[in-house]
Amino acid sequence: MISIRPLREEDYPSVKIIYEQGIATGNATFETEAPPWQPWDKNHLAKGRLVAVNEHNSIVGWAALTSVSGRCVYSGVAELSVYVHAAARNQGVGKLLLTELILESERQNIWTLQAGIFPENTASIEVHRRCGFRQIGYHEKIGKMKNVWRDTILMERRSLTIGVN
């Protein structure tokens, strides 16, 4: 049984390990290393930070939101990250995290969620689709990783209840 709860600072060592596992796949992020807590904390919204915890009270995944802009007109738009521990992948953890992150984002008056996903990360693309995201674009050769240009698929989910007026 997996439960979802808010991420706390003391969770970060486990979160960092899961982030590093994602980095190691080469298909989760352009980042090359997980930062220490302080920079990670500074770069993510205070609300919309979640962890998935298994029946042994171990963290098996995390999700968080980042602002897309400091301009007030974009206050309801956030980019998301979802990472699942290697041993817990393909067990529905990502979908649980993403579903709860959507609900939490709406509680925070966020009307649009965005994700940039490597095309090779088909599992992530599929879980986003199942949670109501649609592909809105494609960045060709947006950044280099290990001296190789990489593309990203842009996915978006508009809230059905927030910002609809």
C-alpha atoms as a PDB file:
ATOM      1  CA  MET A   1       0.000   0.000   0.000  1.00  0.00           C
ATOM      2  CA  ILE A   2       1.389   3.381  -1.040  1.00  0.00           C
ATOM      3  CA  SER A   3       0.430   6.613   0.694  1.00  0.00           C
ATOM      4  CA  ILE A   4       1.166  10.163  -0.426  1.00  0.00           C
ATOM      5  CA  ARG A   5       2.150  12.895   2.018  1.00  0.00           C
ATOM      6  CA  PRO A   6       3.890  16.282   1.926  1.00  0.00           C
ATOM      7  CA  LEU A   7       7.665  16.207   1.451  1.00  0.00           C
ATOM      8  CA  ARG A   8       9.613  17.371   4.481  1.00  0.00           C
ATOM      9  CA  GLU A   9      13.226  18.535   4.702  1.00  0.00           C
ATOM     10  CA  GLU A  10      14.209  15.332   6.520  1.00  0.00           C
ATOM     11  CA  ASP A  11      12.956  13.362   3.493  1.00  0.00           C
ATOM     12  CA  TYR A  12      15.533  14.926   1.215  1.00  0.00           C
ATOM     13  CA  PRO A  13      18.267  12.268   1.567  1.00  0.00           C
ATOM     14  CA  SER A  14      15.793   9.673   0.203  1.00  0.00           C
ATOM     15  CA  VAL A  15      14.482  12.117  -2.398  1.00  0.00           C
ATOM     16  CA  LYS A  16      18.037  12.838  -3.514  1.00  0.00           C
ATOM     17  CA  ILE A  17      18.791   9.124  -3.980  1.00  0.00           C
ATOM     18  CA  ILE A  18      15.685   8.725  -6.153  1.00  0.00           C
ATOM     19  CA  TYR A  19      16.623  11.855  -8.109  1.00  0.00           C
ATOM     20  CA  GLU A  20      20.121  10.438  -8.671  1.00  0.00           C
ATOM     21  CA  GLN A  21      18.594   7.190  -9.948  1.00  0.00           C
ATOM     22  CA  GLY A  22      16.576   9.219 -12.456  1.00  0.00           C
ATOM     23  CA  ILE A  23      19.660  11.157 -13.517  1.00  0.00           C
ATOM     24  CA  ALA A  24      21.522   7.863 -14.041  1.00  0.00           C
ATOM     25  CA  THR A  25      18.924   6.676 -16.575  1.00  0.00           C
ATOM     26  CA  GLY A  26      19.934   9.497 -18.920  1.00  0.00           C
ATOM     27  CA  ASN A  27      16.267  10.003 -19.833  1.00  0.00           C
ATOM     28  CA  ALA A  28      14.823  11.920 -16.891  1.00  0.00           C
ATOM     29  CA  THR A  29      16.552  15.319 -16.790  1.00  0.00           C
ATOM     30  CA  PHE A  30      19.360  17.405 -18.224  1.00  0.00           C
ATOM     31  CA  GLU A  31      20.750  17.723 -14.684  1.00  0.00           C
ATOM     32  CA  THR A  32      23.966  15.823 -14.075  1.00  0.00           C
ATOM     33  CA  GLU A  33      23.787  15.695 -10.288  1.00  0.00           C
ATOM     34  CA  ALA A  34      21.221  16.201  -7.561  1.00  0.00           C
ATOM     35  CA  PRO A  35      21.812  19.395  -5.588  1.00  0.00           C
ATOM     36  CA  PRO A  36      22.059  19.699  -1.813  1.00  0.00           C
ATOM     37  CA  TRP A  37      18.838  20.501   0.059  1.00  0.00           C
ATOM     38  CA  GLN A  38      19.189  24.328   0.135  1.00  0.00           C
ATOM     39  CA  PRO A  39      19.341  24.878  -3.657  1.00  0.00           C
ATOM     40  CA  TRP A  40      16.665  22.226  -4.240  1.00  0.00           C
ATOM     41  CA  ASP A  41      14.424  23.900  -1.645  1.00  0.00           C
ATOM     42  CA  LYS A  42      14.987  27.349  -3.168  1.00  0.00           C
ATOM     43  CA  ASN A  43      14.132  26.181  -6.692  1.00  0.00           C
ATOM     44  CA  HIS A  44      10.837  24.432  -5.851  1.00  0.00           C
ATOM     45  CA  LEU A  45       7.544  25.929  -4.763  1.00  0.00           C
ATOM     46  CA  ALA A  46       6.869  25.599  -1.032  1.00  0.00           C
ATOM     47  CA  LYS A  47       3.524  23.927  -1.777  1.00  0.00           C
ATOM     48  CA  GLY A  48       3.209  20.993  -4.129  1.00  0.00           C
ATOM     49  CA  ARG A  49       6.025  18.827  -2.764  1.00  0.00           C
ATOM     50  CA  LEU A  50       4.986  15.233  -2.224  1.00  0.00           C
ATOM     51  CA  VAL A  51       6.504  11.864  -1.390  1.00  0.00           C
ATOM     52  CA  ALA A  52       5.126   8.372  -1.912  1.00  0.00           C
ATOM     53  CA  VAL A  53       5.683   6.126   1.090  1.00  0.00           C
ATOM     54  CA  ASN A  54       5.346   2.334   1.097  1.00  0.00           C
ATOM     55  CA  GLU A  55       4.079   0.038   3.871  1.00  0.00           C
ATOM     56  CA  HIS A  56       7.622  -0.095   5.344  1.00  0.00           C
ATOM     57  CA  ASN A  57       7.632   3.724   5.647  1.00  0.00           C
ATOM     58  CA  SER A  58      10.256   3.992   2.892  1.00  0.00           C
ATOM     59  CA  ILE A  59      10.045   6.799   0.359  1.00  0.00           C
ATOM     60  CA  VAL A  60       9.549   5.269  -3.097  1.00  0.00           C
ATOM     61  CA  GLY A  61       8.893   8.419  -5.128  1.00  0.00           C
ATOM     62  CA  TRP A  62       8.546  12.158  -5.070  1.00  0.00           C
ATOM     63  CA  ALA A  63       6.930  14.979  -7.001  1.00  0.00           C
ATOM     64  CA  ALA A  64       7.412  18.743  -6.855  1.00  0.00           C
ATOM     65  CA  LEU A  65       6.480  21.959  -8.618  1.00  0.00           C
ATOM     66  CA  THR A  66       8.665  24.799  -9.852  1.00  0.00           C
ATOM     67  CA  SER A  67       7.616  28.218 -11.021  1.00  0.00           C
ATOM     68  CA  VAL A  68       7.879  28.865 -14.758  1.00  0.00           C
ATOM     69  CA  SER A  69       8.278  32.618 -14.312  1.00  0.00           C
ATOM     70  CA  GLY A  70       8.539  35.313 -11.674  1.00  0.00           C
ATOM     71  CA  ARG A  71       5.962  37.411 -13.522  1.00  0.00           C
ATOM     72  CA  CYS A  72       2.612  37.557 -11.723  1.00  0.00           C
ATOM     73  CA  VAL A  73       0.649  36.732 -14.887  1.00  0.00           C
ATOM     74  CA  TYR A  74       2.182  33.239 -14.759  1.00  0.00           C
ATOM     75  CA  SER A  75       1.465  32.657 -11.064  1.00  0.00           C
ATOM     76  CA  GLY A  76      -0.952  29.865 -11.973  1.00  0.00           C
ATOM     77  CA  VAL A  77       1.503  27.985 -14.171  1.00  0.00           C
ATOM     78  CA  ALA A  78       4.023  25.494 -12.819  1.00  0.00           C
ATOM     79  CA  GLU A  79       6.430  22.910 -14.159  1.00  0.00           C
ATOM     80  CA  LEU A  80       6.419  19.540 -12.478  1.00  0.00           C
ATOM     81  CA  SER A  81       8.859  16.782 -11.662  1.00  0.00           C
ATOM     82  CA  VAL A  82       7.933  13.201 -10.776  1.00  0.00           C
ATOM     83  CA  TYR A  83      10.541  10.592  -9.883  1.00  0.00           C
ATOM     84  CA  VAL A  84      10.054   6.978  -8.776  1.00  0.00           C
ATOM     85  CA  HIS A  85      12.591   4.728  -7.042  1.00  0.00           C
ATOM     86  CA  ALA A  86      14.048   2.150  -9.442  1.00  0.00           C
ATOM     87  CA  ALA A  87      12.647  -0.736  -7.369  1.00  0.00           C
ATOM     88  CA  ALA A  88       9.126   0.781  -7.423  1.00  0.00           C
ATOM     89  CA  ARG A  89       8.791   1.600 -11.113  1.00  0.00           C
ATOM     90  CA  ASN A  90       5.873   0.186 -13.127  1.00  0.00           C
ATOM     91  CA  GLN A  91       3.796  -0.252  -9.960  1.00  0.00           C
ATOM     92  CA  GLY A  92       1.551   2.809 -10.242  1.00  0.00           C
ATOM     93  CA  VAL A  93       3.598   5.057  -7.932  1.00  0.00           C
ATOM     94  CA  GLY A  94       4.121   7.717 -10.601  1.00  0.00           C
ATOM     95  CA  LYS A  95       0.406   7.880 -11.379  1.00  0.00           C
ATOM     96  CA  LEU A  96      -0.474   8.190  -7.678  1.00  0.00           C
ATOM     97  CA  LEU A  97       2.032  11.014  -7.238  1.00  0.00           C
ATOM     98  CA  LEU A  98       0.931  12.822 -10.381  1.00  0.00           C
ATOM     99  CA  THR A  99      -2.759  12.501  -9.496  1.00  0.00           C
ATOM    100  CA  GLU A 100      -2.194  13.957  -6.022  1.00  0.00           C
ATOM    101  CA  LEU A 101       0.114  16.663  -7.423  1.00  0.00           C
ATOM    102  CA  ILE A 102      -2.674  17.763  -9.771  1.00  0.00           C
ATOM    103  CA  LEU A 103      -5.093  18.047  -6.822  1.00  0.00           C
ATOM    104  CA  GLU A 104      -2.537  19.917  -4.717  1.00  0.00           C
ATOM    105  CA  SER A 105      -1.723  22.293  -7.581  1.00  0.00           C
ATOM    106  CA  GLU A 106      -5.397  23.174  -7.904  1.00  0.00           C
ATOM    107  CA  ARG A 107      -5.605  23.795  -4.136  1.00  0.00           C
ATOM    108  CA  GLN A 108      -2.746  26.278  -4.736  1.00  0.00           C
ATOM    109  CA  ASN A 109      -4.689  28.003  -7.559  1.00  0.00           C
ATOM    110  CA  ILE A 110      -2.435  26.649 -10.295  1.00  0.00           C
ATOM    111  CA  TRP A 111      -4.369  26.270 -13.537  1.00  0.00           C
ATOM    112  CA  THR A 112      -1.673  24.919 -15.849  1.00  0.00           C
ATOM    113  CA  LEU A 113       0.909  22.205 -15.272  1.00  0.00           C
ATOM    114  CA  GLN A 114       3.750  21.727 -17.730  1.00  0.00           C
ATOM    115  CA  ALA A 115       6.273  18.959 -18.255  1.00  0.00           C
ATOM    116  CA  GLY A 116       9.230  18.631 -20.610  1.00  0.00           C
ATOM    117  CA  ILE A 117       9.927  14.947 -21.211  1.00  0.00           C
ATOM    118  CA  PHE A 118      12.579  13.204 -23.277  1.00  0.00           C
ATOM    119  CA  PRO A 119      10.886  11.248 -26.110  1.00  0.00           C
ATOM    120  CA  GLU A 120      12.725   8.118 -24.961  1.00  0.00           C
ATOM    121  CA  ASN A 121      10.947   8.271 -21.591  1.00  0.00           C
ATOM    122  CA  THR A 122       7.817   6.581 -22.889  1.00  0.00           C
ATOM    123  CA  ALA A 123       6.616   5.517 -19.426  1.00  0.00           C
ATOM    124  CA  SER A 124       6.562   9.139 -18.264  1.00  0.00           C
ATOM    125  CA  ILE A 125       4.788  10.297 -21.409  1.00  0.00           C
ATOM    126  CA  GLU A 126       2.138   7.615 -20.950  1.00  0.00           C
ATOM    127  CA  VAL A 127       1.475   8.339 -17.271  1.00  0.00           C
ATOM    128  CA  HIS A 128       1.110  12.034 -18.077  1.00  0.00           C
ATOM    129  CA  ARG A 129      -1.389  11.203 -20.846  1.00  0.00           C
ATOM    130  CA  ARG A 130      -3.375   8.987 -18.468  1.00  0.00           C
ATOM    131  CA  CYS A 131      -3.541  11.927 -16.051  1.00  0.00           C
ATOM    132  CA  GLY A 132      -4.990  14.332 -18.598  1.00  0.00           C
ATOM    133  CA  PHE A 133      -1.883  15.887 -20.130  1.00  0.00           C
ATOM    134  CA  ARG A 134      -1.605  16.483 -23.856  1.00  0.00           C
ATOM    135  CA  GLN A 135       1.374  17.070 -26.066  1.00  0.00           C
ATOM    136  CA  ILE A 136       1.546  20.729 -27.007  1.00  0.00           C
ATOM    137  CA  GLY A 137       4.947  20.883 -28.630  1.00  0.00           C
ATOM    138  CA  TYR A 138       8.325  19.460 -29.350  1.00  0.00           C
ATOM    139  CA  HIS A 139      11.663  21.113 -28.666  1.00  0.00           C
ATOM    140  CA  GLU A 140      14.159  19.850 -31.170  1.00  0.00           C
ATOM    141  CA  LYS A 141      17.766  19.822 -29.960  1.00  0.00           C
ATOM    142  CA  ILE A 142      16.886  22.003 -26.959  1.00  0.00           C
ATOM    143  CA  GLY A 143      19.961  21.023 -24.962  1.00  0.00           C
ATOM    144  CA  LYS A 144      23.083  18.883 -24.979  1.00  0.00           C
ATOM    145  CA  MET A 145      23.699  15.923 -22.738  1.00  0.00           C
ATOM    146  CA  LYS A 146      27.130  14.295 -22.863  1.00  0.00           C
ATOM    147  CA  ASN A 147      27.775  16.287 -26.043  1.00  0.00           C
ATOM    148  CA  VAL A 148      24.634  14.903 -27.757  1.00  0.00           C
ATOM    149  CA  TRP A 149      21.707  17.158 -28.678  1.00  0.00           C
ATOM    150  CA  ARG A 150      18.466  16.049 -27.007  1.00  0.00           C
ATOM    151  CA  ASP A 151      14.836  16.770 -27.799  1.00  0.00           C
ATOM    152  CA  THR A 152      11.958  17.182 -25.362  1.00  0.00           C
ATOM    153  CA  ILE A 153       8.233  16.700 -25.711  1.00  0.00           C
ATOM    154  CA  LEU A 154       6.206  19.462 -24.087  1.00  0.00           C
ATOM    155  CA  MET A 155       3.124  18.301 -22.246  1.00  0.00           C
ATOM    156  CA  GLU A 156       0.473  20.394 -20.526  1.00  0.00           C
ATOM    157  CA  ARG A 157      -2.596  19.910 -18.378  1.00  0.00           C
ATOM    158  CA  ARG A 158      -5.134  22.671 -17.937  1.00  0.00           C
ATOM    159  CA  SER A 159      -7.281  22.497 -14.838  1.00  0.00           C
ATOM    160  CA  LEU A 160     -10.970  21.895 -15.378  1.00  0.00           C
ATOM    161  CA  THR A 161     -11.817  23.874 -12.216  1.00  0.00           C
ATOM    162  CA  ILE A 162      -9.131  26.560 -11.684  1.00  0.00           C
ATOM    163  CA  GLY A 163      -8.735  29.515 -14.059  1.00  0.00           C
ATOM    164  CA  VAL A 164     -11.601  28.473 -16.310  1.00  0.00           C
ATOM    165  CA  ASN A 165     -13.525  31.763 -16.126  1.00  0.00           C
END
